[in-house]
Protein backbone atom coordinates (compact mmCIF):
# COMPACT_ATOMS: atom_id res chain seq x y z
CA MET A 1 118.88 82.26 1.77
CA HIS A 2 122.41 82.19 0.88
CA PHE A 3 122.08 83.08 -2.55
CA LEU A 4 121.10 86.93 -1.19
CA ARG A 5 124.79 87.44 0.27
CA THR A 6 126.07 88.24 -3.25
CA TYR A 7 123.55 90.68 -3.82
CA ILE A 8 124.17 92.17 -0.21
CA MET A 9 127.88 92.33 -0.69
CA LYS A 10 127.68 93.91 -4.02
CA TYR A 11 125.22 96.73 -3.10
CA ARG A 12 126.76 97.53 0.51
CA GLY A 13 127.77 100.73 -0.45
CA PRO A 14 124.32 102.30 -1.49
CA PHE A 15 122.55 100.26 1.15
CA SER A 16 125.02 101.70 3.71
CA ILE A 17 124.25 105.27 2.29
CA ALA A 18 120.81 104.73 2.73
CA ILE A 19 121.07 103.74 6.47
CA LEU A 20 122.83 107.15 7.02
CA CYS A 21 119.96 108.70 5.34
CA VAL A 22 117.73 107.25 7.62
CA MET A 23 119.86 107.50 10.62
CA LEU A 24 119.63 111.45 10.24
CA GLU A 25 115.76 111.18 9.08
CA ALA A 26 115.14 109.42 12.41
CA VAL A 27 117.01 112.13 14.46
CA CYS A 28 115.04 114.90 12.89
CA ASP A 29 111.84 112.98 14.08
CA LEU A 30 113.16 112.42 17.53
CA LEU A 31 114.11 116.25 18.02
CA GLN A 32 110.89 117.66 17.06
CA PRO A 33 108.45 116.65 19.82
CA THR A 34 111.42 117.68 22.64
CA ILE A 35 111.70 120.99 20.63
CA MET A 36 107.74 121.24 20.59
CA SER A 37 108.14 120.66 24.27
CA LYS A 38 110.26 123.83 25.53
CA ILE A 39 108.24 126.24 23.33
CA ILE A 40 105.54 125.09 25.29
CA ASP A 41 107.32 124.95 28.84
CA VAL A 42 109.72 127.57 28.24
CA GLY A 43 108.30 130.07 25.63
CA ILE A 44 104.45 130.04 25.87
CA ALA A 45 104.53 129.76 29.69
CA GLY A 46 107.18 132.64 29.83
CA ASN A 47 105.18 134.66 27.07
CA ASP A 48 108.74 134.81 25.30
CA LEU A 49 107.70 135.42 21.30
CA ASP A 50 111.41 135.61 20.59
CA TYR A 51 112.00 132.02 21.55
CA ILE A 52 109.00 130.81 20.01
CA VAL A 53 109.92 132.24 16.52
CA PHE A 54 113.71 131.08 17.13
CA MET A 55 112.74 127.34 18.16
CA GLY A 56 109.83 127.73 15.25
CA GLY A 57 112.74 128.06 12.91
CA VAL A 58 114.63 125.58 14.12
CA MET A 59 112.01 122.98 13.99
CA LEU A 60 111.83 124.50 10.24
CA LEU A 61 115.26 123.40 9.49
CA ILE A 62 115.29 120.14 11.13
CA THR A 63 111.95 119.31 9.03
CA ALA A 64 113.78 120.30 5.75
CA VAL A 65 116.78 118.43 6.68
CA GLY A 66 114.48 115.09 7.27
CA ALA A 67 112.87 115.66 3.61
CA LEU A 68 116.52 115.88 1.93
CA THR A 69 117.12 112.58 3.71
CA ALA A 70 114.04 111.11 2.99
CA THR A 71 114.27 111.86 -1.02
CA GLY A 72 117.91 110.49 -0.77
CA ARG A 73 116.87 107.44 0.89
CA ASN A 74 113.73 106.87 -1.49
CA ILE A 75 115.68 107.17 -4.50
CA LEU A 76 118.62 104.59 -3.34
CA SER A 77 115.88 101.96 -2.46
CA GLY A 78 114.28 102.20 -5.64
CA ASN A 79 117.32 101.94 -7.50
CA VAL A 80 118.72 99.13 -5.62
CA SER A 81 116.09 96.91 -4.97
CA GLN A 82 114.94 97.44 -9.29
CA ARG A 83 118.81 96.27 -9.84
CA VAL A 84 118.53 93.35 -7.36
CA GLY A 85 115.51 92.07 -8.72
CA THR A 86 116.52 92.37 -12.36
CA GLU A 87 119.89 90.45 -11.50
CA ILE A 88 118.13 87.77 -9.28
CA ARG A 89 115.73 87.06 -12.03
CA ALA A 90 118.63 87.37 -14.30
CA ASP A 91 120.69 84.47 -12.50
CA LEU A 92 117.93 82.59 -11.60
CA TYR A 93 117.03 82.31 -15.26
CA ARG A 94 120.24 81.39 -16.17
CA LYS A 95 120.63 78.91 -13.25
CA ILE A 96 117.20 77.24 -14.77
CA GLN A 97 118.72 77.14 -18.29
CA GLY A 98 121.63 74.84 -16.76
CA LEU A 99 119.22 72.21 -14.79
CA SER A 100 118.88 68.95 -16.12
CA PHE A 101 115.45 67.59 -17.40
CA ALA A 102 115.15 65.69 -14.25
CA GLN A 103 115.76 68.40 -11.83
CA ILE A 104 113.24 70.44 -14.07
CA ASP A 105 110.66 67.65 -13.55
CA LYS A 106 111.63 67.42 -9.75
CA LEU A 107 110.88 71.25 -9.30
CA ASP A 108 107.69 71.37 -11.58
CA LYS A 109 107.64 73.83 -14.54
CA ALA A 110 104.95 76.04 -13.57
CA SER A 111 106.41 76.33 -9.77
CA LEU A 112 109.76 77.68 -11.93
CA VAL A 113 107.63 80.23 -13.58
CA THR A 114 106.05 81.57 -10.30
CA ARG A 115 109.55 81.54 -8.94
CA LEU A 116 111.27 83.32 -11.30
CA THR A 117 108.19 85.96 -11.75
CA ASN A 118 105.94 86.46 -8.63
CA ASP A 119 108.82 85.38 -6.06
CA VAL A 120 111.27 87.30 -7.27
CA THR A 121 109.15 90.25 -6.99
CA LEU A 122 108.41 89.79 -3.47
CA VAL A 123 112.00 89.56 -2.68
CA GLN A 124 112.43 92.75 -4.83
CA ASN A 125 109.49 94.70 -2.86
CA PHE A 126 110.95 93.73 0.67
CA THR A 127 114.14 95.03 -0.06
CA ASN A 128 112.37 98.09 -1.13
CA GLY A 129 110.30 98.10 1.67
CA LEU A 130 113.38 97.46 4.29
CA MET A 131 115.48 100.56 2.76
CA ARG A 132 112.55 102.91 2.89
CA ILE A 133 110.79 102.19 5.90
CA GLY A 134 111.87 98.67 7.37
CA LEU A 135 115.16 100.12 8.67
CA LYS A 136 113.44 103.71 10.00
CA ALA A 137 110.69 102.05 11.99
CA PRO A 138 113.02 100.38 14.75
CA LEU A 139 115.29 103.04 14.77
CA LEU A 140 112.21 105.32 15.40
CA GLY A 141 110.85 103.27 17.89
CA ILE A 142 113.80 102.66 19.76
CA GLY A 143 114.85 106.54 19.61
CA SER A 144 111.40 107.36 20.96
CA LEU A 145 111.42 105.10 23.84
CA VAL A 146 114.68 106.37 25.20
CA MET A 147 113.50 110.17 24.56
CA ALA A 148 110.35 109.60 26.26
CA THR A 149 111.89 107.78 29.28
CA ARG A 150 114.62 110.54 29.58
CA LEU A 151 111.81 113.25 29.25
CA ASN A 152 109.31 111.60 31.96
CA LEU A 153 110.55 108.46 33.99
CA GLU A 154 106.93 108.36 35.58
CA LEU A 155 105.29 107.90 32.69
CA ALA A 156 107.79 105.57 31.06
CA VAL A 157 106.00 103.09 33.17
CA VAL A 158 103.42 102.66 30.55
CA LEU A 159 106.02 102.10 27.93
CA ALA A 160 107.36 99.58 30.24
CA LEU A 161 103.97 97.86 29.72
CA VAL A 162 103.44 98.38 26.68
CA VAL A 163 106.50 97.40 24.67
CA PRO A 164 106.88 94.00 25.73
CA MET A 165 102.92 93.25 24.92
CA VAL A 166 103.47 94.51 21.35
CA GLY A 167 107.16 92.54 20.72
CA LEU A 168 104.93 89.44 21.78
CA ILE A 169 102.32 89.97 19.12
CA LEU A 170 105.02 91.05 16.63
CA LEU A 171 106.73 87.32 17.38
CA LEU A 172 103.76 85.26 17.17
CA ASN A 173 103.06 86.91 13.94
CA LEU A 174 106.25 85.91 12.55
CA LYS A 175 106.23 82.56 13.77
CA MET A 176 102.78 81.80 12.63
CA GLY A 177 102.25 83.82 9.40
CA PHE A 178 105.24 82.12 7.65
CA PRO A 179 103.17 78.50 6.73
CA PHE A 180 100.22 80.39 5.40
CA PHE A 181 102.13 82.52 3.08
CA LEU A 182 104.34 79.43 2.08
CA ARG A 183 100.77 77.88 1.17
CA VAL A 184 99.98 81.12 -0.75
CA GLN A 185 102.56 80.75 -3.09
CA GLN A 186 102.23 77.05 -3.65
CA ALA A 187 98.39 77.49 -4.51
CA LEU A 188 99.77 80.17 -7.02
CA ASP A 189 102.24 77.39 -8.64
CA ARG A 190 98.71 75.12 -9.05
CA VAL A 191 96.99 77.86 -10.84
CA ASN A 192 100.24 78.54 -13.46
CA ALA A 193 100.60 75.09 -13.73
CA VAL A 194 96.49 74.44 -14.79
CA MET A 195 97.19 77.66 -17.07
CA ARG A 196 100.39 76.35 -18.66
CA GLU A 197 98.36 72.86 -19.49
CA TYR A 198 95.09 74.76 -20.91
CA LEU A 199 97.59 76.67 -23.27
CA ALA A 200 99.85 73.76 -24.56
CA GLY A 201 96.95 71.75 -25.37
CA VAL A 202 94.62 74.10 -26.63
CA ARG A 203 93.81 72.89 -29.78
CA VAL A 204 93.31 69.16 -28.12
CA VAL A 205 90.71 71.40 -25.75
CA LYS A 206 88.56 72.91 -28.89
CA ALA A 207 88.94 69.64 -31.22
CA PHE A 208 86.91 67.79 -28.19
CA ASN A 209 84.86 70.63 -27.15
CA ARG A 210 86.52 70.62 -23.59
CA PHE A 211 85.59 74.02 -22.48
CA ALA A 212 83.66 73.58 -20.12
CA TYR A 213 85.48 70.74 -18.28
CA GLU A 214 88.64 73.38 -18.49
CA VAL A 215 86.62 76.18 -17.48
CA ALA A 216 85.30 74.03 -14.14
CA LYS A 217 89.01 72.72 -13.45
CA PHE A 218 90.38 76.37 -13.83
CA LYS A 219 87.73 77.67 -11.18
CA GLN A 220 88.61 74.98 -8.66
CA ILE A 221 92.27 75.81 -8.48
CA ASN A 222 91.47 79.58 -8.73
CA GLU A 223 88.83 79.32 -5.41
CA ALA A 224 91.70 77.53 -3.86
CA TYR A 225 94.14 80.06 -4.50
CA GLN A 226 91.63 82.59 -3.19
CA ASN A 227 90.86 80.53 -0.08
CA GLN A 228 94.26 80.19 0.50
CA SER A 229 95.01 84.02 0.03
CA ILE A 230 91.76 85.04 2.25
CA LYS A 231 93.20 82.74 4.87
CA ALA A 232 96.76 84.28 5.10
CA MET A 233 94.85 87.95 5.15
CA ARG A 234 92.43 87.18 7.82
CA PHE A 235 95.37 85.93 10.15
CA LEU A 236 97.48 89.25 9.68
CA ALA A 237 94.24 91.28 10.02
CA LEU A 238 94.36 90.36 13.78
CA PHE A 239 97.60 91.52 14.41
CA SER A 240 97.81 95.21 13.24
CA PRO A 241 94.76 96.08 15.25
CA GLY A 242 96.05 94.48 18.23
CA VAL A 243 99.15 96.86 17.76
CA ALA A 244 97.41 99.81 17.53
CA MET A 245 94.85 98.83 20.63
CA THR A 246 97.96 98.17 22.97
CA VAL A 247 99.63 101.58 22.05
CA ASN A 248 96.34 103.13 22.19
CA PHE A 249 95.70 101.72 25.36
CA GLY A 250 99.05 103.07 26.48
CA ILE A 251 98.54 106.92 25.45
CA VAL A 252 95.05 106.95 27.46
CA ALA A 253 97.22 105.57 30.08
CA VAL A 254 99.97 108.57 29.64
CA LEU A 255 96.89 111.18 29.16
CA TRP A 256 95.40 109.93 32.56
CA LEU A 257 98.44 109.83 34.55
CA GLY A 258 100.03 112.83 32.89
CA GLY A 259 96.73 114.77 33.82
CA VAL A 260 97.25 113.46 37.64
CA GLY A 261 100.88 114.75 37.29
CA VAL A 262 99.69 118.49 36.29
CA GLY A 263 97.22 118.54 38.94
CA ASN A 264 99.96 117.54 41.52
CA GLY A 265 102.52 120.37 40.05
CA ARG A 266 105.04 117.22 39.18
CA THR A 267 104.53 117.24 35.38
CA GLN A 268 104.68 119.85 32.93
CA VAL A 269 102.22 120.40 29.98
CA GLY A 270 104.82 120.55 27.66
CA HIS A 271 106.24 116.93 28.64
CA ILE A 272 102.83 115.37 28.33
CA ILE A 273 102.08 116.71 24.73
CA ALA A 274 105.71 115.56 23.89
CA PHE A 275 105.15 112.48 25.71
CA ILE A 276 102.24 111.63 23.67
CA ASN A 277 104.13 112.55 20.19
CA TYR A 278 106.75 109.84 21.24
CA MET A 279 103.90 107.56 21.56
CA THR A 280 102.48 108.17 18.49
CA GLN A 281 105.83 107.63 16.90
CA ILE A 282 106.33 104.51 18.75
CA LEU A 283 103.05 103.24 17.69
CA PHE A 284 103.86 104.33 13.78
CA ALA A 285 107.15 102.44 14.34
CA LEU A 286 105.32 99.44 15.51
CA MET A 287 102.65 99.34 12.98
CA VAL A 288 105.65 99.94 10.03
CA MET A 289 107.31 97.09 11.77
CA SER A 290 104.27 94.96 11.67
CA LEU A 291 103.46 95.62 8.23
CA ALA A 292 107.51 95.11 7.47
CA PHE A 293 107.58 91.70 9.57
CA ASN A 294 104.35 90.62 7.16
CA MET A 295 106.62 91.63 4.07
CA PHE A 296 109.30 89.60 5.41
CA VAL A 297 107.11 86.64 6.36
CA ARG A 298 106.08 86.68 2.55
CA ALA A 299 109.49 87.14 1.03
CA ARG A 300 111.18 84.60 3.40
CA ALA A 301 108.93 82.10 1.90
CA SER A 302 109.74 83.64 -1.67
CA ALA A 303 113.55 83.28 -1.10
CA GLY A 304 113.37 79.74 0.18
CA ARG A 305 111.99 78.78 -2.91
CA ILE A 306 114.25 80.88 -5.20
CA ASP A 307 117.11 79.67 -2.98
CA GLU A 308 115.92 75.76 -3.56
CA VAL A 309 116.52 76.42 -7.37
CA PHE A 310 119.80 78.23 -6.62
CA SER A 311 120.96 75.24 -4.21
CA GLN A 312 120.61 72.86 -7.16
CA GLU A 313 123.78 71.01 -7.88
CA ALA A 314 124.45 69.86 -11.19
CA GLY A 315 122.27 66.75 -12.30
CA LEU A 316 124.46 65.32 -14.61
CA LEU A 317 128.05 65.19 -13.90
CA TRP A 318 130.57 65.42 -16.81
CA PRO A 319 134.20 64.00 -16.11
CA ALA A 320 137.13 66.27 -16.83
CA LEU A 321 137.97 65.38 -20.44
CA ALA A 322 141.76 65.47 -21.58
CA GLY A 323 142.25 67.20 -24.62
CA GLU A 324 138.53 69.13 -24.70
CA GLY A 325 137.25 70.35 -27.96
CA GLU A 326 139.25 67.78 -29.70
CA GLU A 327 136.36 65.68 -30.97
CA GLU A 328 134.72 69.07 -32.70
CA GLY A 329 136.75 68.40 -35.92
CA ARG A 330 135.86 64.51 -35.84
CA THR A 331 132.56 63.68 -37.90
CA LEU A 332 130.52 61.16 -35.86
CA LYS A 333 129.31 58.44 -37.89
CA GLY A 334 126.39 57.28 -36.26
CA ARG A 335 126.19 54.34 -34.82
CA VAL A 336 123.87 54.28 -31.90
CA ASP A 337 123.76 51.42 -29.16
CA PHE A 338 121.61 50.74 -26.03
CA THR A 339 122.70 48.02 -24.31
CA GLU A 340 120.60 46.63 -21.11
CA VAL A 341 118.76 49.96 -20.63
CA TYR A 342 116.50 50.73 -17.80
CA PHE A 343 115.26 54.19 -17.11
CA ALA A 344 112.57 55.48 -14.35
CA TYR A 345 111.90 59.38 -14.11
CA ALA A 346 112.24 60.89 -10.80
CA ASP A 347 112.76 58.00 -8.59
CA PRO A 348 115.21 55.48 -10.11
CA ALA A 349 113.62 53.31 -7.71
CA GLY A 350 110.38 53.69 -8.97
CA GLU A 351 108.20 51.72 -11.97
CA PRO A 352 110.96 51.61 -14.89
CA VAL A 353 109.50 53.61 -18.08
CA LEU A 354 112.41 51.46 -20.26
CA LYS A 355 113.03 48.30 -19.39
CA ASN A 356 115.97 46.05 -20.72
CA ILE A 357 116.07 48.19 -23.97
CA ASN A 358 118.52 46.29 -26.52
CA LEU A 359 118.96 48.03 -29.67
CA THR A 360 121.47 49.14 -32.30
CA CYS A 361 121.04 52.21 -34.99
CA LEU A 362 123.48 52.13 -37.59
CA PRO A 363 124.79 54.74 -39.94
CA GLY A 364 122.57 55.86 -42.64
CA GLU A 365 119.71 53.59 -41.37
CA THR A 366 116.39 55.53 -40.80
CA VAL A 367 114.56 53.81 -37.77
CA GLY A 368 110.86 54.37 -36.94
CA ILE A 369 109.97 53.76 -33.18
CA ILE A 370 106.37 53.29 -32.90
CA GLY A 371 104.37 52.69 -29.92
CA GLY A 372 101.13 54.14 -27.35
CA THR A 373 101.09 57.18 -25.54
CA GLY A 374 103.54 57.18 -22.64
CA ALA A 375 105.26 54.06 -23.75
CA GLY A 376 108.70 55.65 -23.84
CA LYS A 377 109.59 56.64 -27.45
CA SER A 378 110.18 60.36 -26.75
CA THR A 379 112.51 59.24 -23.64
CA LEU A 380 114.47 56.94 -25.14
CA VAL A 381 115.34 59.54 -27.95
CA ARG A 382 116.32 61.47 -24.85
CA LEU A 383 118.87 59.26 -23.81
CA ILE A 384 121.21 59.84 -26.92
CA PRO A 385 122.33 63.21 -26.45
CA ARG A 386 122.07 62.57 -22.32
CA PHE A 387 119.31 64.92 -21.17
CA TYR A 388 118.80 62.31 -18.65
CA ASP A 389 121.20 59.62 -17.51
CA THR A 390 119.84 55.49 -17.40
CA VAL A 391 119.40 53.73 -14.02
CA SER A 392 121.45 51.10 -15.15
CA GLY A 393 122.90 50.02 -18.85
CA THR A 394 124.56 52.39 -21.17
CA VAL A 395 123.84 54.06 -24.34
CA LYS A 396 126.63 54.60 -26.83
CA VAL A 397 127.52 56.84 -29.70
CA ASP A 398 129.87 55.42 -32.27
CA ARG A 399 130.69 52.78 -29.42
CA GLN A 400 131.64 55.40 -26.79
CA ASP A 401 129.40 55.76 -23.90
CA VAL A 402 127.50 59.30 -23.83
CA ARG A 403 128.30 59.66 -20.16
CA HIS A 404 132.17 59.89 -21.38
CA LEU A 405 131.82 62.27 -24.10
CA ASN A 406 132.05 66.14 -24.23
CA PRO A 407 128.57 67.12 -23.82
CA ARG A 408 128.98 70.34 -26.26
CA ASP A 409 130.56 68.40 -28.95
CA LEU A 410 128.12 65.47 -28.28
CA ARG A 411 125.04 67.68 -28.83
CA LYS A 412 126.20 69.73 -31.56
CA LYS A 413 126.36 67.08 -33.79
CA ILE A 414 122.56 65.49 -32.76
CA ALA A 415 119.48 67.36 -34.02
CA VAL A 416 116.29 66.83 -31.90
CA VAL A 417 112.74 68.16 -32.97
CA PRO A 418 110.81 68.00 -29.72
CA GLN A 419 107.02 67.67 -29.42
CA LYS A 420 106.37 70.70 -27.47
CA THR A 421 108.60 73.91 -28.55
CA MET A 422 109.08 75.17 -24.60
CA LEU A 423 112.16 76.69 -23.04
CA PHE A 424 110.78 75.01 -19.83
């Protein structure tokens, strides 16, 4: 996911401000249980109304500060995530336009559509969630753990048992959930592929009355996508309840131990209430972290697919030409030569589509190439502007190898009317 570094560096300023807002909000949330404990143990126990009113005002002030920082955090997260999503989508689109035909065939056109839309949206949503709740959850959880331990060391034994168990659950979620969501995205690719094939050949479907076949085919692919999504959701459904159950058992243990402590005079009532509040905050933090981990697993799978496109190197290498642009004013005569041309799609070692083609088209000639479907007619034409490279042999325009010509000047002087009017 190296492509994300560019956007991280670009938006590190707003991101840092969002972290500051999250930290202030977390501090505000952490102070309130302790203040409530003091109100109970000092104000109510001592029947001191002035102390209760004063500390109540402090709680209201802290709540207001927390609300303001939360508002700023939400504004920043929404702004940054939308900008990041827009720029990734635009950069990915530009990258796709620069891919060779062979690279587009390898990545699959339907998959490129999914990566450009659904995958980018998942990364964008994770960015938003990370800035809004993903950063707050660990701060709140660690802070609650420290404050609760500082408040009552005896009750903190419960945390020493609960936290490692929850950490193990989250680790298993992260490790085992990634393959599920990767298969979900691949199934979505197949849905897009079937839909794209239908829309491209809708006239043929109508002409041969193949609606029933197309519906059945789409139903099969759609149900496969549904089944993969259900498997992923069922897997996730096991972890969030597990986290909640573990922490709730911890709260029950705190109530029991705290009750024993109050009976023995070793624990104050306010401490128990504050400790339960901290346990509740830890539960909230862990549930949010579980949700954030789920978002991360999905975003990681999508980011990997996006990075696969960004990491594509130039499929066709063009040598640095001295005097670039000098050919622009020169008029091509139009001679085209194919000399012992062999060509195969995807795997050069595979079965060649074109074998030992020797053909010369002279200037002014009109040449018609006739053959059955899949015979290689369109492939032959695509070699002239160098949309593909030959496996062996040469293609020449005006006796010059197309691999040695400037691509801009070569393609500017060649007109091609494709069978399908599609960008990719």
